[in-house]
Amino acid sequence: MRIPSIPGFEKQALEKYFKNTGMAFVGKVGSLVITMLVNIQIANYLHLKLFGILNGAITYVYFFQAITSLGLDQYVVKELHQHPENRDTILGTSFRLKLCAGLLALPLIFLAYQAYPAKSTPYLFVLILSFTGIIQSFNIIDPYFQSQVQSKYIMQVQVTSYLVSAVIKLLLIYVYHASIIWFVYAFLLDWVLLSIGYIITYQRKGRSLRQWQYNGHLARKLVSYSWPLIISGVMVSVYMRIDQIMLQNMRNASEAGAYATVVRFSEAWYFIPSVIVSTLFPAILNARRDDVARYKRRLQNLYDLMVYISLPAAIVISFAAPLIYKLFKPEYAYAAPVLAVHIWSGVFVFLGVASGQQLIAEDYVRLSFIRTGFGAIVNIAFNLLLIPKMGIMGTAVATLIAYASSTFFIIFIPKLSKQGVMMFKSLFLISLFQKIIKR
């Protein structure tokens, strides 16, 4: 893989990173393409209302994934790097913690549904999908392969499981003409297939789940590290998904089904900024330690890069939205203008991911929580205001406002306002013009 030159960053560092993670990236892209194509077929088969009902159950369970995952993965990778001799204890303890969290999520989901159900979505659908929290406990094997710099196995498992899942869902559509309940089971099966793939691959590498052990001291250590990520993950879930449930409850399942197609397309590329930031941030942190001026330049370069990628993509998809919806049945066509608006949220997501990493580097984790919480409040408030007046378009506008507000919330905090100004310079291409003038 040829690595392009990025101003302010060492090509050697990029090559080293992509050598280790490029296969995982390919796996994620491949899985994404498969999933998107199959979801289009499901949306067309179920039509607006039933697709909205199905998506309501998927979205509801999504709220609790931060709890069931416990935010453990990155800490497990770190522990496996530092103490490879304790592999079975680290994996066994993490698995037990995730399993307990998945079991705890079952009554929590039930109570949440009783308090604020998704209109038209039966609780049975939510209950079936809520078992994903238990099944995904086995995905703790993923961090093990990351720690071993063996991302090709992650890619193989993901692509294979999604291919099998795609075949099953297409059979449900074109051979069995199945009812909606079977698609609920099919989405649960996605997690089963992924877990089975990880287990088989782990065993083929000469490892055994029977050797996993639980250690109470390590469990307390991992939870003490991960609880801020759990809270942050819950807020992010509300921040990014509450609009879909609110639309379904305040309007109807049909509009929720149309909006679900918008969200799937608009958010499909949100993994890219995380990959970029993970690639470049070690170099930024080194500059922070050695040279403050260089640190600021590299941070500005990172913000610029986020805009250089997200802005053209938003422009292209805005114009291409009507063509994209040619892939759907005509009843979905009215969602095309909504996609043209919602896609611009990605610009603020890209900048937000970059600045969020900067907040962590500067030890402002608490402010990161506050910023996400502020975005969630703004999202809920504007959805309450705009959904009754504008319907599905109101939801997209509310999301765009919320993402922008959350990203630039730091400009009102004196000690972080300079970072907000740097993002503004990138967003409005001021820093780009300054570079051109200097040349």
Protein backbone atom coordinates (compact mmCIF):
# COMPACT_ATOMS: atom_id res chain seq x y z
CA MET A 1 0.00 0.00 0.00
CA ARG A 2 1.41 3.33 -1.04
CA ILE A 3 1.03 5.94 1.70
CA PRO A 4 0.36 9.51 0.55
CA SER A 5 2.36 12.39 1.94
CA ILE A 6 0.51 14.35 4.63
CA PRO A 7 1.97 17.71 5.65
CA GLY A 8 3.26 17.76 9.21
CA PHE A 9 3.46 14.00 9.67
CA GLU A 10 6.24 11.49 9.10
CA LYS A 11 5.66 9.09 6.23
CA GLN A 12 7.58 6.37 8.06
CA ALA A 13 5.18 6.50 11.00
CA LEU A 14 2.20 6.22 8.68
CA GLU A 15 3.69 3.24 6.86
CA LYS A 16 4.32 1.47 10.14
CA TYR A 17 0.74 2.05 11.26
CA PHE A 18 -0.90 1.00 8.01
CA LYS A 19 1.21 -2.13 7.87
CA ASN A 20 -0.27 -3.17 11.22
CA THR A 21 -3.87 -2.01 10.75
CA GLY A 22 -4.45 -1.82 7.02
CA MET A 23 -6.03 -5.29 6.89
CA ALA A 24 -8.48 -4.41 9.66
CA PHE A 25 -9.38 -1.27 7.73
CA VAL A 26 -10.00 -3.31 4.58
CA GLY A 27 -12.15 -5.69 6.60
CA LYS A 28 -14.23 -2.85 7.97
CA VAL A 29 -14.74 -1.34 4.51
CA GLY A 30 -15.61 -4.72 3.01
CA SER A 31 -18.08 -5.50 5.78
CA LEU A 32 -19.60 -2.04 5.38
CA VAL A 33 -20.18 -2.47 1.64
CA ILE A 34 -21.79 -5.88 2.16
CA THR A 35 -24.00 -4.55 4.94
CA MET A 36 -25.11 -1.48 2.98
CA LEU A 37 -26.10 -3.47 -0.11
CA VAL A 38 -28.04 -6.01 1.93
CA ASN A 39 -29.78 -3.31 4.00
CA ILE A 40 -31.04 -1.73 0.78
CA GLN A 41 -32.61 -5.05 -0.17
CA ILE A 42 -34.17 -5.42 3.29
CA ALA A 43 -35.55 -1.86 3.20
CA ASN A 44 -37.13 -2.46 -0.22
CA TYR A 45 -38.56 -5.82 0.86
CA LEU A 46 -40.08 -4.67 4.15
CA HIS A 47 -41.21 -1.25 2.86
CA LEU A 48 -41.26 1.92 4.93
CA LYS A 49 -43.32 0.95 7.97
CA LEU A 50 -41.92 -2.49 8.68
CA PHE A 51 -38.37 -1.29 8.07
CA GLY A 52 -39.01 1.51 10.59
CA ILE A 53 -40.36 -1.01 13.12
CA LEU A 54 -37.28 -3.22 12.68
CA ASN A 55 -34.91 -0.28 12.94
CA GLY A 56 -36.68 0.84 16.12
CA ALA A 57 -35.64 -2.40 17.83
CA ILE A 58 -32.07 -2.17 16.52
CA THR A 59 -31.77 1.45 17.66
CA TYR A 60 -33.20 0.71 21.09
CA VAL A 61 -30.64 -1.97 21.81
CA TYR A 62 -27.86 0.28 20.46
CA PHE A 63 -28.38 2.59 23.45
CA PHE A 64 -27.07 -0.13 25.75
CA GLN A 65 -24.05 -1.28 23.77
CA ALA A 66 -21.80 1.10 25.70
CA ILE A 67 -22.81 -0.71 28.89
CA THR A 68 -22.41 -4.23 27.49
CA SER A 69 -19.02 -3.47 25.91
CA LEU A 70 -17.78 -1.72 29.10
CA GLY A 71 -15.30 0.25 26.99
CA LEU A 72 -12.77 -2.46 27.78
CA ASP A 73 -11.20 -3.20 24.42
CA GLN A 74 -8.48 -0.54 24.31
CA TYR A 75 -7.44 -1.30 27.90
CA VAL A 76 -7.34 -5.02 27.15
CA VAL A 77 -4.99 -4.33 24.23
CA LYS A 78 -2.81 -2.28 26.56
CA GLU A 79 -2.76 -4.98 29.24
CA LEU A 80 -1.92 -7.68 26.70
CA HIS A 81 0.95 -5.55 25.38
CA GLN A 82 2.37 -4.97 28.84
CA HIS A 83 1.71 -8.43 30.30
CA PRO A 84 1.52 -11.01 27.48
CA GLU A 85 2.28 -13.79 29.98
CA ASN A 86 -1.10 -13.07 31.65
CA ARG A 87 -3.06 -13.53 28.41
CA ASP A 88 -5.53 -16.12 29.72
CA THR A 89 -6.22 -14.17 32.91
CA ILE A 90 -6.72 -10.88 31.06
CA LEU A 91 -9.05 -12.41 28.47
CA GLY A 92 -10.91 -14.55 31.01
CA THR A 93 -11.49 -11.62 33.36
CA SER A 94 -12.59 -9.31 30.54
CA PHE A 95 -14.94 -11.95 29.16
CA ARG A 96 -16.57 -12.44 32.57
CA LEU A 97 -17.04 -8.71 32.99
CA LYS A 98 -18.62 -8.34 29.55
CA LEU A 99 -20.87 -11.34 30.14
CA CYS A 100 -22.12 -9.89 33.43
CA ALA A 101 -22.71 -6.52 31.76
CA GLY A 102 -24.70 -8.23 29.00
CA LEU A 103 -26.89 -9.98 31.57
CA LEU A 104 -27.37 -6.74 33.49
CA ALA A 105 -28.49 -4.99 30.30
CA LEU A 106 -31.52 -7.30 29.92
CA PRO A 107 -33.56 -5.86 32.83
CA LEU A 108 -32.26 -2.35 32.08
CA ILE A 109 -33.57 -2.56 28.51
CA PHE A 110 -36.91 -3.85 29.79
CA LEU A 111 -37.25 -0.96 32.25
CA ALA A 112 -36.23 1.59 29.63
CA TYR A 113 -38.77 0.20 27.18
CA GLN A 114 -41.52 0.43 29.78
CA ALA A 115 -40.61 4.04 30.46
CA TYR A 116 -40.21 5.15 26.82
CA PRO A 117 -41.13 2.47 24.28
CA ALA A 118 -40.54 2.72 20.54
CA LYS A 119 -44.03 3.15 19.09
CA SER A 120 -45.16 0.23 16.89
CA THR A 121 -42.02 -1.81 17.68
CA PRO A 122 -43.04 -4.85 19.79
CA TYR A 123 -41.02 -5.50 22.93
CA LEU A 124 -40.41 -9.04 21.63
CA PHE A 125 -38.19 -7.59 18.88
CA VAL A 126 -36.24 -5.56 21.43
CA LEU A 127 -35.95 -8.56 23.76
CA ILE A 128 -34.53 -10.80 21.03
CA LEU A 129 -31.90 -8.24 20.01
CA SER A 130 -31.02 -7.45 23.62
CA PHE A 131 -29.19 -10.79 23.79
CA THR A 132 -26.51 -9.32 21.54
CA GLY A 133 -24.96 -7.89 24.71
CA ILE A 134 -24.34 -11.41 26.00
CA ILE A 135 -23.19 -12.84 22.68
CA GLN A 136 -20.69 -10.06 22.00
CA SER A 137 -18.78 -11.03 25.16
CA PHE A 138 -16.77 -13.39 22.96
CA ASN A 139 -15.62 -10.44 20.85
CA ILE A 140 -13.00 -9.83 23.53
CA ILE A 141 -10.87 -12.03 21.25
CA ASP A 142 -10.67 -9.10 18.82
CA PRO A 143 -8.37 -7.04 21.13
CA TYR A 144 -6.17 -10.11 21.50
CA PHE A 145 -5.45 -10.19 17.76
CA GLN A 146 -4.92 -6.42 17.83
CA SER A 147 -2.31 -6.82 20.55
CA GLN A 148 -0.58 -9.48 18.46
CA VAL A 149 -0.58 -7.20 15.41
CA GLN A 150 -2.59 -9.84 13.55
CA SER A 151 -5.37 -7.69 12.13
CA LYS A 152 -5.68 -9.93 9.09
CA TYR A 153 -7.53 -12.46 11.26
CA ILE A 154 -9.97 -9.77 12.37
CA MET A 155 -10.57 -8.91 8.71
CA GLN A 156 -11.12 -12.55 7.77
CA VAL A 157 -13.63 -13.11 10.54
CA GLN A 158 -15.57 -9.92 9.82
CA VAL A 159 -15.79 -10.35 6.06
CA THR A 160 -16.67 -14.06 6.30
CA SER A 161 -19.37 -13.55 8.93
CA TYR A 162 -20.94 -10.67 7.04
CA LEU A 163 -20.92 -12.66 3.79
CA VAL A 164 -22.70 -15.58 5.49
CA SER A 165 -25.14 -13.14 7.11
CA ALA A 166 -25.79 -11.48 3.74
CA VAL A 167 -26.58 -14.83 2.11
CA ILE A 168 -29.00 -15.71 4.92
CA LYS A 169 -30.83 -12.38 4.68
CA LEU A 170 -31.07 -12.58 0.90
CA LEU A 171 -32.50 -16.10 1.23
CA LEU A 172 -35.10 -14.75 3.66
CA ILE A 173 -36.09 -12.16 1.06
CA TYR A 174 -35.95 -13.98 -2.26
CA VAL A 175 -36.50 -17.64 -1.34
CA TYR A 176 -38.52 -17.82 1.87
CA HIS A 177 -40.37 -14.46 1.64
CA ALA A 178 -40.01 -14.31 5.39
CA SER A 179 -41.92 -12.17 7.87
CA ILE A 180 -40.26 -9.37 9.83
CA ILE A 181 -39.58 -11.49 12.92
CA TRP A 182 -37.08 -13.57 10.95
CA PHE A 183 -35.07 -10.47 10.14
CA VAL A 184 -34.91 -9.67 13.85
CA TYR A 185 -33.40 -13.12 14.42
CA ALA A 186 -31.09 -12.55 11.43
CA PHE A 187 -29.65 -9.38 12.99
CA LEU A 188 -29.07 -11.29 16.23
CA LEU A 189 -27.38 -13.99 14.15
CA ASP A 190 -24.89 -11.38 12.90
CA TRP A 191 -23.37 -11.27 16.39
CA VAL A 192 -23.52 -15.06 16.75
CA LEU A 193 -21.61 -15.55 13.50
CA LEU A 194 -19.01 -12.96 14.47
CA SER A 195 -18.45 -14.60 17.86
CA ILE A 196 -18.22 -18.08 16.34
CA GLY A 197 -15.68 -16.77 13.84
CA TYR A 198 -13.52 -15.28 16.59
CA ILE A 199 -13.70 -18.46 18.68
CA ILE A 200 -12.75 -20.74 15.76
CA THR A 201 -9.88 -18.47 14.72
CA TYR A 202 -8.62 -18.23 18.30
CA GLN A 203 -8.70 -22.03 18.67
CA ARG A 204 -6.94 -22.54 15.32
CA LYS A 205 -4.06 -20.39 16.57
CA GLY A 206 -3.45 -22.97 19.29
CA ARG A 207 -5.31 -21.12 22.06
CA SER A 208 -8.15 -22.42 24.21
CA LEU A 209 -11.06 -20.67 25.91
CA ARG A 210 -10.89 -23.34 28.63
CA GLN A 211 -7.64 -21.81 29.85
CA TRP A 212 -9.27 -18.44 30.53
CA GLN A 213 -9.22 -17.46 34.21
CA TYR A 214 -10.95 -14.78 36.27
CA ASN A 215 -9.02 -12.43 38.56
CA GLY A 216 -10.95 -10.14 40.89
CA HIS A 217 -8.12 -7.64 41.36
CA LEU A 218 -7.66 -7.28 37.60
CA ALA A 219 -11.43 -6.92 37.17
CA ARG A 220 -11.52 -3.97 39.57
CA LYS A 221 -8.53 -2.43 37.79
CA LEU A 222 -10.18 -2.72 34.35
CA VAL A 223 -13.49 -1.32 35.55
CA SER A 224 -11.74 1.61 37.26
CA TYR A 225 -10.07 2.43 33.93
CA SER A 226 -13.11 1.93 31.73
CA TRP A 227 -15.99 3.52 33.66
CA PRO A 228 -15.43 6.99 32.13
CA LEU A 229 -15.67 5.41 28.68
CA ILE A 230 -18.90 3.65 29.70
CA ILE A 231 -20.49 6.96 30.71
CA SER A 232 -19.14 8.65 27.59
CA GLY A 233 -20.41 5.79 25.42
CA VAL A 234 -23.92 6.03 26.89
CA MET A 235 -23.99 9.77 26.20
CA VAL A 236 -22.72 9.22 22.66
CA SER A 237 -25.44 6.60 22.10
CA VAL A 238 -28.15 9.02 23.22
CA TYR A 239 -26.50 11.83 21.30
CA MET A 240 -26.40 9.88 18.02
CA ARG A 241 -29.55 7.72 18.20
CA ILE A 242 -32.25 9.40 20.29
CA ASP A 243 -33.50 11.29 17.23
CA GLN A 244 -34.60 8.04 15.54
CA ILE A 245 -36.72 6.92 18.49
CA MET A 246 -38.16 10.42 18.92
CA LEU A 247 -39.12 10.55 15.23
CA GLN A 248 -40.80 7.15 15.45
CA ASN A 249 -42.76 8.15 18.55
CA MET A 250 -43.66 11.70 17.51
CA ARG A 251 -44.53 10.83 13.89
CA ASN A 252 -44.75 7.20 12.80
CA ALA A 253 -42.75 4.09 11.93
CA SER A 254 -42.86 4.86 8.20
CA GLU A 255 -40.97 8.13 8.60
CA ALA A 256 -38.58 6.38 10.98
CA GLY A 257 -37.96 3.77 8.26
CA ALA A 258 -37.14 6.44 5.68
CA TYR A 259 -34.89 8.26 8.13
CA ALA A 260 -33.09 5.00 8.98
CA THR A 261 -31.89 4.76 5.38
CA VAL A 262 -30.54 8.32 5.65
CA VAL A 263 -28.64 7.57 8.84
CA ARG A 264 -27.18 4.33 7.45
CA PHE A 265 -25.70 6.13 4.45
CA SER A 266 -24.69 9.30 6.26
CA GLU A 267 -22.92 7.55 9.16
CA ALA A 268 -21.34 4.74 7.15
CA TRP A 269 -18.00 6.57 6.93
CA TYR A 270 -17.79 7.71 10.57
CA PHE A 271 -15.10 5.10 11.32
CA ILE A 272 -12.65 6.95 9.05
CA PRO A 273 -11.78 9.85 11.41
CA SER A 274 -11.04 7.39 14.22
CA VAL A 275 -8.60 5.54 11.96
CA ILE A 276 -6.92 8.78 10.87
CA VAL A 277 -6.63 10.13 14.40
CA SER A 278 -5.23 6.83 15.65
CA THR A 279 -2.68 7.00 12.86
CA LEU A 280 -1.51 10.56 13.37
CA PHE A 281 -1.97 11.29 17.04
CA PRO A 282 1.19 9.55 18.31
CA ALA A 283 3.21 12.01 16.22
CA ILE A 284 1.16 14.89 17.62
CA LEU A 285 1.75 13.74 21.19
CA ASN A 286 5.50 13.48 20.55
CA ALA A 287 5.49 17.07 19.34
CA ARG A 288 3.58 18.15 22.45
CA ARG A 289 6.37 16.68 24.56
CA ASP A 290 9.25 18.13 22.53
CA ASP A 291 8.07 21.33 20.84
CA VAL A 292 4.84 23.21 21.68
CA ALA A 293 4.91 25.25 18.46
CA ARG A 294 5.24 22.10 16.36
CA TYR A 295 2.46 20.50 18.42
CA LYS A 296 0.09 23.33 17.50
CA ARG A 297 1.04 23.12 13.83
CA ARG A 298 0.42 19.41 13.74
CA LEU A 299 -2.90 19.82 15.50
CA GLN A 300 -3.93 22.45 12.95
CA ASN A 301 -2.81 20.08 10.18
CA LEU A 302 -5.01 17.36 11.67
CA TYR A 303 -8.06 19.64 11.76
CA ASP A 304 -7.32 20.70 8.19
CA LEU A 305 -7.10 17.08 7.10
CA MET A 306 -10.46 16.31 8.69
CA VAL A 307 -12.06 19.09 6.64
CA TYR A 308 -10.20 18.19 3.43
CA ILE A 309 -11.76 14.71 3.60
CA SER A 310 -15.23 15.39 4.99
CA LEU A 311 -16.09 18.59 3.12
CA PRO A 312 -15.70 17.23 -0.45
CA ALA A 313 -17.51 14.04 0.58
CA ALA A 314 -20.44 16.06 1.96
CA ILE A 315 -20.64 18.12 -1.24
CA VAL A 316 -20.55 15.07 -3.52
CA ILE A 317 -23.16 13.10 -1.56
CA SER A 318 -25.43 16.15 -1.29
CA PHE A 319 -25.65 16.30 -5.08
CA ALA A 320 -25.66 12.51 -5.49
CA ALA A 321 -28.47 11.88 -2.95
CA PRO A 322 -31.23 11.59 -5.61
CA LEU A 323 -29.12 9.05 -7.50
CA ILE A 324 -28.45 7.06 -4.32
CA TYR A 325 -32.17 6.76 -3.69
CA LYS A 326 -32.66 5.25 -7.13
CA LEU A 327 -31.43 2.09 -5.39
CA PHE A 328 -34.55 2.15 -3.21
CA LYS A 329 -38.19 1.80 -4.08
CA PRO A 330 -39.96 5.09 -4.98
CA GLU A 331 -41.62 5.32 -1.56
CA TYR A 332 -38.18 6.14 -0.07
CA ALA A 333 -37.38 8.89 -2.59
CA TYR A 334 -38.56 11.74 -0.35
CA ALA A 335 -35.64 10.97 2.01
CA ALA A 336 -33.05 12.08 -0.59
CA PRO A 337 -33.16 15.81 0.41
CA VAL A 338 -32.86 14.70 4.03
CA LEU A 339 -29.65 12.82 3.24
CA ALA A 340 -28.35 15.95 1.48
CA VAL A 341 -28.72 17.80 4.81
CA HIS A 342 -27.74 15.05 7.23
CA ILE A 343 -24.49 14.27 5.41
CA TRP A 344 -23.07 17.65 6.52
CA SER A 345 -23.11 16.41 10.10
CA GLY A 346 -20.09 14.33 9.12
CA VAL A 347 -17.92 17.44 8.83
CA PHE A 348 -18.50 18.17 12.51
CA VAL A 349 -18.10 14.51 13.46
CA PHE A 350 -14.65 14.45 11.82
CA LEU A 351 -13.59 17.62 13.65
CA GLY A 352 -15.17 16.37 16.89
CA VAL A 353 -13.24 13.11 16.82
CA ALA A 354 -9.96 14.98 16.32
CA SER A 355 -10.64 17.54 19.05
CA GLY A 356 -11.91 14.81 21.37
CA GLN A 357 -8.54 13.08 21.15
CA GLN A 358 -6.89 16.42 21.88
CA LEU A 359 -9.03 16.81 25.01
CA ILE A 360 -7.86 13.42 26.23
CA ALA A 361 -4.23 14.32 25.51
CA GLU A 362 -4.64 17.54 27.50
CA ASP A 363 -6.30 15.64 30.39
CA TYR A 364 -9.69 17.27 29.79
CA VAL A 365 -11.65 14.00 29.75
CA ARG A 366 -14.36 15.47 31.97
CA LEU A 367 -14.94 18.30 29.51
CA SER A 368 -15.28 15.70 26.76
CA PHE A 369 -18.17 14.16 28.73
CA ILE A 370 -19.77 17.57 29.21
CA ARG A 371 -19.47 18.38 25.53
CA THR A 372 -21.16 15.14 24.50
CA GLY A 373 -23.90 15.67 27.09
CA PHE A 374 -24.46 19.19 25.78
CA GLY A 375 -24.82 17.79 22.26
CA ALA A 376 -27.40 15.26 23.47
CA ILE A 377 -29.46 17.99 25.16
CA VAL A 378 -29.34 20.18 22.05
CA ASN A 379 -30.36 17.22 19.89
CA ILE A 380 -33.38 16.39 22.07
CA ALA A 381 -34.46 20.04 22.33
CA PHE A 382 -34.34 20.70 18.59
CA ASN A 383 -36.03 17.41 17.78
CA LEU A 384 -38.90 18.36 20.08
CA LEU A 385 -39.10 21.72 18.32
CA LEU A 386 -38.60 20.67 14.68
CA ILE A 387 -40.13 17.20 14.29
CA PRO A 388 -43.76 18.42 14.71
CA LYS A 389 -43.15 21.17 12.14
CA MET A 390 -40.81 19.55 9.62
CA GLY A 391 -41.06 15.81 10.21
CA ILE A 392 -38.12 13.78 8.90
CA MET A 393 -36.28 16.88 7.65
CA GLY A 394 -36.57 18.42 11.12
CA THR A 395 -34.74 15.43 12.57
CA ALA A 396 -31.86 15.89 10.14
CA VAL A 397 -31.64 19.62 10.85
CA ALA A 398 -31.71 18.97 14.62
CA THR A 399 -28.89 16.44 14.26
CA LEU A 400 -26.80 18.87 12.21
CA ILE A 401 -27.26 21.64 14.79
CA ALA A 402 -26.49 19.26 17.67
CA TYR A 403 -23.29 17.95 16.11
CA ALA A 404 -22.07 21.45 15.28
CA SER A 405 -22.94 22.72 18.78
CA SER A 406 -21.18 19.82 20.47
CA THR A 407 -18.03 20.14 18.36
CA PHE A 408 -17.64 23.88 18.91
CA PHE A 409 -18.84 23.86 22.53
CA ILE A 410 -15.20 24.18 23.64
CA ILE A 411 -14.93 27.67 22.14
CA PHE A 412 -16.87 28.95 25.17
CA ILE A 413 -14.34 27.43 27.59
CA PRO A 414 -11.48 29.95 28.05
CA LYS A 415 -8.67 27.40 28.38
CA LEU A 416 -9.85 25.57 25.24
CA SER A 417 -11.14 28.44 23.12
CA LYS A 418 -7.95 28.48 21.03
CA GLN A 419 -8.68 24.92 19.93
CA GLY A 420 -12.14 26.02 18.86
CA VAL A 421 -10.61 28.86 16.83
CA MET A 422 -8.24 26.38 15.15
CA MET A 423 -11.21 24.24 14.09
CA PHE A 424 -13.01 27.32 12.76
CA LYS A 425 -9.92 28.15 10.70
CA SER A 426 -9.98 24.67 9.22
CA LEU A 427 -13.74 24.62 8.65
CA PHE A 428 -13.77 27.89 6.71
CA LEU A 429 -10.48 27.00 4.92
CA ILE A 430 -8.72 30.00 6.47
CA SER A 431 -5.66 27.96 7.40
CA LEU A 432 -5.55 26.59 3.83
CA PHE A 433 -5.50 30.10 2.36
CA GLN A 434 -2.82 31.14 4.87
CA LYS A 435 -0.61 28.27 3.66
CA ILE A 436 -1.19 29.25 0.03
CA ILE A 437 -0.28 32.91 0.76
CA LYS A 438 2.92 31.87 2.56
CA ARG A 439 3.97 29.88 -0.49
